[in-house]
Amino acid sequence: MSAVISLNDRGFVAQSNQYDQSGAVSEELDALSCDLLGSALDALAAGVEVCVITSVEDAAGTRVTNSFSEDGIEACIDEAHNYIAALALEKAARPDNLDVPVRYAMVYEGAVDLGNDGYEDALILEFAEKGQQAFSAYVLWQGFGAGEAFQWCDPEPAGEVASLL
């Protein structure tokens, strides 16, 4: 279930050259985001399409991961956003002893408009911690199903997004 999704189509705020999120991301949020992103990259390398996948974590470190794939990409992204927001507002039953989420990450396939170079396949990552600004990033990749020959770039910041917490 891949689709061409421009970062600007999702409402991402363009970043300046001074954009630096390193001080705003806790070790816990970094681990949550990296684990989710690593799993998505492994799936692509194995030839498995990445649907919209969320991972939420409470203050005790209980982590729940969920995927959304029954509709089109835009509907799945909206459903994932609504799911995280509902968990945070205690409007949804929480699975697996999850308490109120304090951080989340979400990843999905998309594309990034690189201007003159056109669109490139990318994994789009959104992540936030309660009380902090939410951020987005993207990882360019190529070689769907190529196993060890699969290639990806380091994550690049895509700007700020509205937090779901």
N, C-alpha and C. Protein backbone atom coordinates (compact mmCIF):
# COMPACT_ATOMS: atom_id res chain seq x y z
N MET A 1 0.84 -1.16 0.00
CA MET A 1 0.00 0.00 0.00
C MET A 1 0.89 1.24 0.00
N SER A 2 1.53 1.54 -1.08
CA SER A 2 2.32 2.75 -1.13
C SER A 2 1.58 3.78 -1.96
N ALA A 3 1.87 5.01 -1.68
CA ALA A 3 1.23 6.10 -2.40
C ALA A 3 2.20 7.26 -2.46
N VAL A 4 2.01 8.11 -3.41
CA VAL A 4 2.83 9.31 -3.48
C VAL A 4 2.19 10.35 -2.58
N ILE A 5 2.90 10.71 -1.54
CA ILE A 5 2.43 11.70 -0.60
C ILE A 5 3.53 12.73 -0.45
N SER A 6 3.25 13.92 -0.87
CA SER A 6 4.20 15.00 -0.70
C SER A 6 4.18 15.42 0.76
N LEU A 7 5.32 15.75 1.31
CA LEU A 7 5.35 16.22 2.69
C LEU A 7 4.45 17.43 2.86
N ASN A 8 4.43 18.32 1.88
CA ASN A 8 3.59 19.51 1.99
C ASN A 8 2.12 19.17 1.96
N ASP A 9 1.71 18.10 1.29
CA ASP A 9 0.32 17.67 1.26
C ASP A 9 -0.16 17.25 2.65
N ARG A 10 0.73 16.82 3.53
CA ARG A 10 0.35 16.37 4.87
C ARG A 10 0.39 17.51 5.88
N GLY A 11 0.69 18.73 5.44
CA GLY A 11 0.69 19.87 6.35
C GLY A 11 1.96 20.03 7.14
N PHE A 12 3.04 19.45 6.70
CA PHE A 12 4.30 19.60 7.41
C PHE A 12 4.83 21.02 7.24
N VAL A 13 5.45 21.53 8.27
CA VAL A 13 6.01 22.87 8.23
C VAL A 13 7.44 22.77 7.71
N ALA A 14 7.74 23.57 6.71
CA ALA A 14 9.09 23.55 6.16
C ALA A 14 10.07 24.01 7.23
N GLN A 15 11.23 23.38 7.23
CA GLN A 15 12.23 23.73 8.22
C GLN A 15 13.27 24.66 7.62
N SER A 16 13.91 25.42 8.47
CA SER A 16 15.01 26.26 8.01
C SER A 16 16.30 25.48 8.17
N ASN A 17 17.40 26.05 7.70
CA ASN A 17 18.68 25.37 7.83
C ASN A 17 19.11 25.26 9.28
N GLN A 18 18.55 26.11 10.15
CA GLN A 18 18.91 26.06 11.56
C GLN A 18 18.07 25.05 12.33
N TYR A 19 17.15 24.36 11.67
CA TYR A 19 16.27 23.41 12.34
C TYR A 19 17.11 22.32 13.00
N ASP A 20 16.93 22.17 14.30
CA ASP A 20 17.67 21.15 15.04
C ASP A 20 16.78 20.57 16.11
N GLN A 21 16.40 19.32 15.96
CA GLN A 21 15.51 18.70 16.93
C GLN A 21 16.27 17.88 17.96
N SER A 22 17.58 17.83 17.90
CA SER A 22 18.33 16.91 18.75
C SER A 22 18.10 17.14 20.24
N GLY A 23 17.96 18.41 20.67
CA GLY A 23 17.77 18.67 22.08
C GLY A 23 16.36 18.40 22.55
N ALA A 24 15.40 18.25 21.66
CA ALA A 24 14.00 18.12 22.03
C ALA A 24 13.53 16.68 22.10
N VAL A 25 14.35 15.74 21.75
CA VAL A 25 13.93 14.34 21.68
C VAL A 25 14.59 13.56 22.81
N SER A 26 13.76 12.98 23.69
CA SER A 26 14.28 12.20 24.80
C SER A 26 14.87 10.88 24.29
N GLU A 27 15.65 10.24 25.14
CA GLU A 27 16.21 8.93 24.80
C GLU A 27 15.09 7.92 24.54
N GLU A 28 14.02 7.99 25.32
CA GLU A 28 12.90 7.05 25.17
C GLU A 28 12.19 7.25 23.83
N LEU A 29 11.96 8.51 23.46
CA LEU A 29 11.30 8.79 22.18
C LEU A 29 12.21 8.41 21.02
N ASP A 30 13.50 8.67 21.18
CA ASP A 30 14.45 8.29 20.14
C ASP A 30 14.45 6.77 19.95
N ALA A 31 14.44 6.01 21.04
CA ALA A 31 14.43 4.55 20.95
C ALA A 31 13.14 4.05 20.31
N LEU A 32 12.01 4.62 20.71
CA LEU A 32 10.71 4.23 20.14
C LEU A 32 10.70 4.49 18.63
N SER A 33 11.12 5.68 18.23
CA SER A 33 11.13 6.06 16.82
C SER A 33 12.10 5.20 16.01
N CYS A 34 13.29 4.99 16.55
CA CYS A 34 14.30 4.20 15.83
C CYS A 34 13.87 2.74 15.69
N ASP A 35 13.26 2.18 16.73
CA ASP A 35 12.77 0.80 16.64
C ASP A 35 11.71 0.67 15.55
N LEU A 36 10.76 1.61 15.52
CA LEU A 36 9.70 1.56 14.53
C LEU A 36 10.26 1.75 13.13
N LEU A 37 11.13 2.72 12.97
CA LEU A 37 11.74 2.98 11.67
C LEU A 37 12.58 1.79 11.21
N GLY A 38 13.34 1.19 12.11
CA GLY A 38 14.16 0.03 11.76
C GLY A 38 13.31 -1.15 11.30
N SER A 39 12.20 -1.37 11.98
CA SER A 39 11.29 -2.45 11.57
C SER A 39 10.71 -2.19 10.18
N ALA A 40 10.36 -0.93 9.91
CA ALA A 40 9.80 -0.59 8.59
C ALA A 40 10.85 -0.77 7.50
N LEU A 41 12.08 -0.37 7.75
CA LEU A 41 13.14 -0.56 6.76
C LEU A 41 13.41 -2.04 6.52
N ASP A 42 13.41 -2.85 7.58
CA ASP A 42 13.58 -4.30 7.44
C ASP A 42 12.47 -4.89 6.58
N ALA A 43 11.24 -4.42 6.80
CA ALA A 43 10.10 -4.93 6.02
C ALA A 43 10.28 -4.59 4.54
N LEU A 44 10.64 -3.37 4.23
CA LEU A 44 10.85 -2.98 2.83
C LEU A 44 11.96 -3.81 2.19
N ALA A 45 13.04 -4.02 2.92
CA ALA A 45 14.15 -4.82 2.40
C ALA A 45 13.70 -6.26 2.11
N ALA A 46 12.75 -6.75 2.89
CA ALA A 46 12.23 -8.12 2.71
C ALA A 46 11.12 -8.19 1.67
N GLY A 47 10.74 -7.04 1.12
CA GLY A 47 9.70 -7.03 0.09
C GLY A 47 8.29 -6.97 0.65
N VAL A 48 8.15 -6.47 1.86
CA VAL A 48 6.84 -6.32 2.50
C VAL A 48 6.49 -4.84 2.53
N GLU A 49 5.35 -4.49 1.92
CA GLU A 49 4.93 -3.09 1.94
C GLU A 49 4.61 -2.66 3.36
N VAL A 50 4.93 -1.42 3.66
CA VAL A 50 4.69 -0.87 4.98
C VAL A 50 3.38 -0.10 4.95
N CYS A 51 2.45 -0.54 5.75
CA CYS A 51 1.20 0.20 5.89
C CYS A 51 1.47 1.35 6.87
N VAL A 52 0.46 1.92 7.43
CA VAL A 52 0.64 2.93 8.46
C VAL A 52 0.79 2.19 9.79
N ILE A 53 1.90 2.42 10.47
CA ILE A 53 2.19 1.71 11.71
C ILE A 53 2.42 2.74 12.82
N THR A 54 1.76 2.52 13.95
CA THR A 54 1.94 3.39 15.10
C THR A 54 2.55 2.61 16.25
N SER A 55 3.27 3.31 17.08
CA SER A 55 3.78 2.72 18.30
C SER A 55 3.61 3.78 19.39
N VAL A 56 2.92 3.43 20.46
CA VAL A 56 2.71 4.34 21.58
C VAL A 56 3.32 3.72 22.83
N GLU A 57 3.73 4.58 23.74
CA GLU A 57 4.38 4.11 24.96
C GLU A 57 3.90 4.95 26.14
N ASP A 58 3.69 4.30 27.28
CA ASP A 58 3.30 5.04 28.48
C ASP A 58 4.54 5.33 29.34
N ALA A 59 4.35 6.01 30.46
CA ALA A 59 5.46 6.42 31.31
C ALA A 59 6.23 5.24 31.89
N ALA A 60 5.57 4.09 32.04
CA ALA A 60 6.22 2.89 32.58
C ALA A 60 7.00 2.13 31.51
N GLY A 61 6.92 2.57 30.27
CA GLY A 61 7.63 1.89 29.19
C GLY A 61 6.82 0.82 28.49
N THR A 62 5.54 0.68 28.83
CA THR A 62 4.68 -0.27 28.12
C THR A 62 4.46 0.27 26.71
N ARG A 63 4.75 -0.56 25.73
CA ARG A 63 4.69 -0.15 24.33
C ARG A 63 3.68 -1.01 23.58
N VAL A 64 2.85 -0.35 22.77
CA VAL A 64 1.88 -1.05 21.94
C VAL A 64 2.05 -0.56 20.51
N THR A 65 2.14 -1.50 19.58
CA THR A 65 2.28 -1.17 18.17
C THR A 65 1.04 -1.67 17.44
N ASN A 66 0.57 -0.86 16.51
CA ASN A 66 -0.65 -1.18 15.78
C ASN A 66 -0.46 -0.76 14.32
N SER A 67 -1.11 -1.47 13.41
CA SER A 67 -1.01 -1.10 11.99
C SER A 67 -2.39 -0.84 11.42
N PHE A 68 -2.42 -0.02 10.39
CA PHE A 68 -3.65 0.38 9.71
C PHE A 68 -3.44 0.17 8.23
N SER A 69 -4.27 -0.70 7.63
CA SER A 69 -4.04 -1.03 6.22
C SER A 69 -5.31 -1.34 5.44
N GLU A 70 -6.46 -1.18 6.05
CA GLU A 70 -7.70 -1.60 5.41
C GLU A 70 -8.24 -0.62 4.37
N ASP A 71 -7.79 0.62 4.38
CA ASP A 71 -8.28 1.65 3.47
C ASP A 71 -7.12 2.22 2.68
N GLY A 72 -7.40 3.27 1.92
CA GLY A 72 -6.35 3.99 1.21
C GLY A 72 -5.39 4.65 2.20
N ILE A 73 -4.24 5.06 1.71
CA ILE A 73 -3.20 5.60 2.57
C ILE A 73 -3.66 6.80 3.38
N GLU A 74 -4.35 7.74 2.75
CA GLU A 74 -4.82 8.92 3.48
C GLU A 74 -5.79 8.54 4.59
N ALA A 75 -6.72 7.63 4.32
CA ALA A 75 -7.68 7.18 5.33
C ALA A 75 -6.95 6.46 6.47
N CYS A 76 -5.94 5.68 6.15
CA CYS A 76 -5.18 4.97 7.18
C CYS A 76 -4.39 5.94 8.06
N ILE A 77 -3.82 6.97 7.45
CA ILE A 77 -3.10 7.98 8.23
C ILE A 77 -4.07 8.68 9.17
N ASP A 78 -5.23 9.07 8.66
CA ASP A 78 -6.23 9.72 9.51
C ASP A 78 -6.68 8.79 10.63
N GLU A 79 -6.90 7.51 10.31
CA GLU A 79 -7.32 6.54 11.33
C GLU A 79 -6.25 6.38 12.40
N ALA A 80 -4.99 6.34 12.00
CA ALA A 80 -3.89 6.22 12.96
C ALA A 80 -3.81 7.46 13.85
N HIS A 81 -3.94 8.64 13.25
CA HIS A 81 -3.95 9.88 14.04
C HIS A 81 -5.08 9.85 15.06
N ASN A 82 -6.28 9.47 14.62
CA ASN A 82 -7.43 9.42 15.52
C ASN A 82 -7.23 8.40 16.63
N TYR A 83 -6.62 7.26 16.32
CA TYR A 83 -6.36 6.21 17.30
C TYR A 83 -5.42 6.73 18.40
N ILE A 84 -4.34 7.37 18.01
CA ILE A 84 -3.39 7.89 19.01
C ILE A 84 -4.05 8.96 19.86
N ALA A 85 -4.77 9.87 19.23
CA ALA A 85 -5.44 10.94 19.97
C ALA A 85 -6.48 10.36 20.94
N ALA A 86 -7.22 9.35 20.52
CA ALA A 86 -8.23 8.73 21.38
C ALA A 86 -7.58 8.04 22.58
N LEU A 87 -6.46 7.38 22.36
CA LEU A 87 -5.74 6.75 23.48
C LEU A 87 -5.28 7.81 24.48
N ALA A 88 -4.79 8.93 23.97
CA ALA A 88 -4.28 9.99 24.84
C ALA A 88 -5.40 10.66 25.62
N LEU A 89 -6.60 10.73 25.04
CA LEU A 89 -7.74 11.37 25.70
C LEU A 89 -8.60 10.38 26.48
N GLU A 90 -8.12 9.15 26.58
CA GLU A 90 -8.83 8.08 27.28
C GLU A 90 -10.22 7.83 26.70
N LYS A 91 -10.34 7.99 25.36
CA LYS A 91 -11.61 7.74 24.68
C LYS A 91 -11.59 6.40 23.94
N ALA A 92 -10.56 5.63 24.15
CA ALA A 92 -10.47 4.32 23.51
C ALA A 92 -9.97 3.32 24.55
N ALA A 93 -10.41 2.09 24.40
CA ALA A 93 -9.92 1.02 25.28
C ALA A 93 -8.43 0.83 25.02
N ARG A 94 -7.67 0.76 26.07
CA ARG A 94 -6.23 0.62 25.92
C ARG A 94 -5.84 -0.85 25.98
N PRO A 95 -5.10 -1.30 25.00
CA PRO A 95 -4.66 -2.71 24.97
C PRO A 95 -3.42 -2.96 25.83
N ASP A 96 -3.25 -4.20 26.19
CA ASP A 96 -2.00 -4.69 26.80
C ASP A 96 -1.51 -3.89 28.00
N ASN A 97 -2.40 -3.53 28.91
CA ASN A 97 -2.01 -2.81 30.12
C ASN A 97 -1.38 -1.45 29.86
N LEU A 98 -1.63 -0.88 28.72
CA LEU A 98 -1.10 0.44 28.39
C LEU A 98 -1.81 1.50 29.22
N ASP A 99 -1.04 2.34 29.88
CA ASP A 99 -1.59 3.48 30.59
C ASP A 99 -1.65 4.65 29.60
N VAL A 100 -1.89 5.85 30.09
CA VAL A 100 -1.98 7.01 29.21
C VAL A 100 -0.66 7.17 28.43
N PRO A 101 -0.72 7.21 27.10
CA PRO A 101 0.51 7.36 26.30
C PRO A 101 1.21 8.69 26.59
N VAL A 102 2.53 8.63 26.68
CA VAL A 102 3.33 9.84 26.86
C VAL A 102 4.22 10.11 25.65
N ARG A 103 4.28 9.15 24.74
CA ARG A 103 5.06 9.35 23.51
C ARG A 103 4.52 8.43 22.43
N TYR A 104 4.75 8.82 21.19
CA TYR A 104 4.31 7.98 20.07
C TYR A 104 5.22 8.22 18.87
N ALA A 105 5.19 7.26 17.98
CA ALA A 105 5.84 7.38 16.67
C ALA A 105 4.91 6.72 15.66
N MET A 106 4.94 7.21 14.45
CA MET A 106 4.12 6.67 13.38
C MET A 106 4.96 6.70 12.11
N VAL A 107 4.87 5.62 11.33
CA VAL A 107 5.65 5.53 10.09
C VAL A 107 4.74 5.02 8.98
N TYR A 108 5.00 5.51 7.76
CA TYR A 108 4.25 5.04 6.59
C TYR A 108 5.05 5.35 5.33
N GLU A 109 4.71 4.61 4.27
CA GLU A 109 5.35 4.83 2.97
C GLU A 109 4.80 6.09 2.33
N GLY A 110 5.67 6.80 1.66
CA GLY A 110 5.27 7.99 0.92
C GLY A 110 6.35 8.36 -0.06
N ALA A 111 6.39 9.60 -0.41
CA ALA A 111 7.40 10.13 -1.31
C ALA A 111 7.71 11.56 -0.91
N VAL A 112 8.91 11.97 -1.20
CA VAL A 112 9.34 13.32 -0.90
C VAL A 112 9.65 14.03 -2.20
N ASP A 113 9.11 15.23 -2.35
CA ASP A 113 9.37 16.06 -3.52
C ASP A 113 10.71 16.75 -3.32
N LEU A 114 11.69 16.34 -4.09
CA LEU A 114 13.03 16.91 -3.96
C LEU A 114 13.27 18.02 -4.98
N GLY A 115 12.19 18.61 -5.46
CA GLY A 115 12.32 19.72 -6.40
C GLY A 115 12.70 19.23 -7.78
N ASN A 116 13.82 19.70 -8.28
CA ASN A 116 14.27 19.35 -9.64
C ASN A 116 14.54 17.86 -9.81
N ASP A 117 14.80 17.17 -8.71
CA ASP A 117 15.07 15.73 -8.78
C ASP A 117 13.79 14.90 -8.76
N GLY A 118 12.63 15.54 -8.60
CA GLY A 118 11.35 14.84 -8.60
C GLY A 118 11.08 14.15 -7.28
N TYR A 119 10.12 13.25 -7.31
CA TYR A 119 9.72 12.51 -6.11
C TYR A 119 10.61 11.29 -5.91
N GLU A 120 10.95 11.05 -4.65
CA GLU A 120 11.74 9.88 -4.27
C GLU A 120 10.97 9.10 -3.21
N ASP A 121 11.05 7.76 -3.27
CA ASP A 121 10.41 6.92 -2.25
C ASP A 121 10.99 7.25 -0.88
N ALA A 122 10.11 7.32 0.11
CA ALA A 122 10.56 7.65 1.45
C ALA A 122 9.64 7.00 2.48
N LEU A 123 10.19 6.74 3.63
CA LEU A 123 9.38 6.44 4.79
C LEU A 123 9.19 7.76 5.52
N ILE A 124 7.96 8.06 5.88
CA ILE A 124 7.65 9.28 6.61
C ILE A 124 7.45 8.89 8.06
N LEU A 125 8.07 9.62 8.96
CA LEU A 125 8.01 9.34 10.38
C LEU A 125 7.49 10.57 11.11
N GLU A 126 6.50 10.38 11.96
CA GLU A 126 6.00 11.43 12.85
C GLU A 126 6.23 10.94 14.27
N PHE A 127 6.64 11.84 15.18
CA PHE A 127 6.92 11.41 16.55
C PHE A 127 6.79 12.58 17.51
N ALA A 128 6.37 12.26 18.73
CA ALA A 128 6.19 13.31 19.74
C ALA A 128 6.18 12.72 21.13
N GLU A 129 6.40 13.62 22.07
CA GLU A 129 6.31 13.28 23.48
C GLU A 129 5.35 14.28 24.13
N LYS A 130 4.58 13.83 25.09
CA LYS A 130 3.58 14.68 25.73
C LYS A 130 4.23 15.96 26.25
N GLY A 131 3.59 17.09 25.95
CA GLY A 131 4.09 18.38 26.41
C GLY A 131 5.19 18.97 25.56
N GLN A 132 5.58 18.27 24.49
CA GLN A 132 6.66 18.73 23.62
C GLN A 132 6.12 18.92 22.20
N GLN A 133 6.89 19.61 21.39
CA GLN A 133 6.54 19.78 19.98
C GLN A 133 6.67 18.44 19.27
N ALA A 134 5.78 18.18 18.32
CA ALA A 134 5.86 16.97 17.50
C ALA A 134 6.68 17.28 16.25
N PHE A 135 7.41 16.29 15.79
CA PHE A 135 8.28 16.45 14.63
C PHE A 135 7.99 15.39 13.57
N SER A 136 8.50 15.65 12.40
CA SER A 136 8.43 14.67 11.32
C SER A 136 9.81 14.57 10.69
N ALA A 137 10.02 13.43 10.07
CA ALA A 137 11.29 13.18 9.37
C ALA A 137 10.98 12.24 8.21
N TYR A 138 11.94 12.10 7.33
CA TYR A 138 11.78 11.14 6.23
C TYR A 138 13.10 10.43 6.01
N VAL A 139 12.99 9.22 5.49
CA VAL A 139 14.15 8.41 5.14
C VAL A 139 13.97 7.96 3.69
N LEU A 140 14.87 8.40 2.82
CA LEU A 140 14.84 7.95 1.42
C LEU A 140 15.33 6.52 1.37
N TRP A 141 14.75 5.72 0.49
CA TRP A 141 15.16 4.33 0.36
C TRP A 141 14.99 3.88 -1.08
N GLN A 142 15.68 2.78 -1.41
CA GLN A 142 15.49 2.14 -2.72
C GLN A 142 15.88 0.67 -2.62
N GLY A 143 15.27 -0.12 -3.48
CA GLY A 143 15.58 -1.55 -3.51
C GLY A 143 14.56 -2.40 -2.82
N PHE A 144 13.27 -2.11 -3.03
CA PHE A 144 12.20 -2.89 -2.40
C PHE A 144 12.44 -4.38 -2.63
N GLY A 145 12.50 -5.14 -1.55
CA GLY A 145 12.69 -6.59 -1.63
C GLY A 145 14.11 -7.01 -1.96
N ALA A 146 15.06 -6.10 -1.91
CA ALA A 146 16.44 -6.40 -2.33
C ALA A 146 17.29 -7.02 -1.23
N GLY A 147 16.70 -7.26 -0.06
CA GLY A 147 17.47 -7.90 1.01
C GLY A 147 18.69 -7.09 1.40
N GLU A 148 19.85 -7.74 1.36
CA GLU A 148 21.10 -7.08 1.76
C GLU A 148 21.48 -5.91 0.84
N ALA A 149 20.93 -5.88 -0.37
CA ALA A 149 21.23 -4.79 -1.31
C ALA A 149 20.32 -3.58 -1.11
N PHE A 150 19.35 -3.68 -0.21
CA PHE A 150 18.45 -2.57 0.10
C PHE A 150 19.27 -1.39 0.61
N GLN A 151 18.91 -0.18 0.17
CA GLN A 151 19.66 1.01 0.56
C GLN A 151 18.73 2.05 1.17
N TRP A 152 19.25 2.80 2.13
CA TRP A 152 18.50 3.90 2.72
C TRP A 152 19.47 4.98 3.16
N CYS A 153 18.95 6.17 3.33
CA CYS A 153 19.73 7.32 3.80
C CYS A 153 19.41 7.58 5.27
N ASP A 154 20.24 8.36 5.90
CA ASP A 154 19.94 8.77 7.27
C ASP A 154 18.67 9.60 7.29
N PRO A 155 17.94 9.58 8.39
CA PRO A 155 16.72 10.40 8.48
C PRO A 155 17.03 11.89 8.31
N GLU A 156 16.13 12.55 7.62
CA GLU A 156 16.23 14.00 7.42
C GLU A 156 15.01 14.64 8.07
N PRO A 157 15.19 15.77 8.74
CA PRO A 157 14.04 16.44 9.36
C PRO A 157 13.08 16.97 8.29
N ALA A 158 11.79 16.86 8.57
CA ALA A 158 10.77 17.38 7.65
C ALA A 158 9.97 18.51 8.28
N GLY A 159 10.20 18.81 9.52
CA GLY A 159 9.54 19.94 10.17
C GLY A 159 8.65 19.52 11.31
N GLU A 160 7.94 20.52 11.83
CA GLU A 160 7.05 20.32 12.95
C GLU A 160 5.66 19.92 12.47
N VAL A 161 4.98 19.11 13.28
CA VAL A 161 3.60 18.73 13.02
C VAL A 161 2.82 18.92 14.32
N ALA A 162 1.51 18.89 14.22
CA ALA A 162 0.67 19.01 15.42
C ALA A 162 0.80 17.73 16.25
N SER A 163 0.98 17.89 17.54
CA SER A 163 1.07 16.72 18.41
C SER A 163 -0.31 16.09 18.58
N LEU A 164 -0.34 14.77 18.68
CA LEU A 164 -1.58 14.04 18.90
C LEU A 164 -1.82 13.77 20.38
N LEU A 165 -0.89 14.19 21.22
CA LEU A 165 -1.02 13.94 22.67
C LEU A 165 -1.61 15.15 23.35
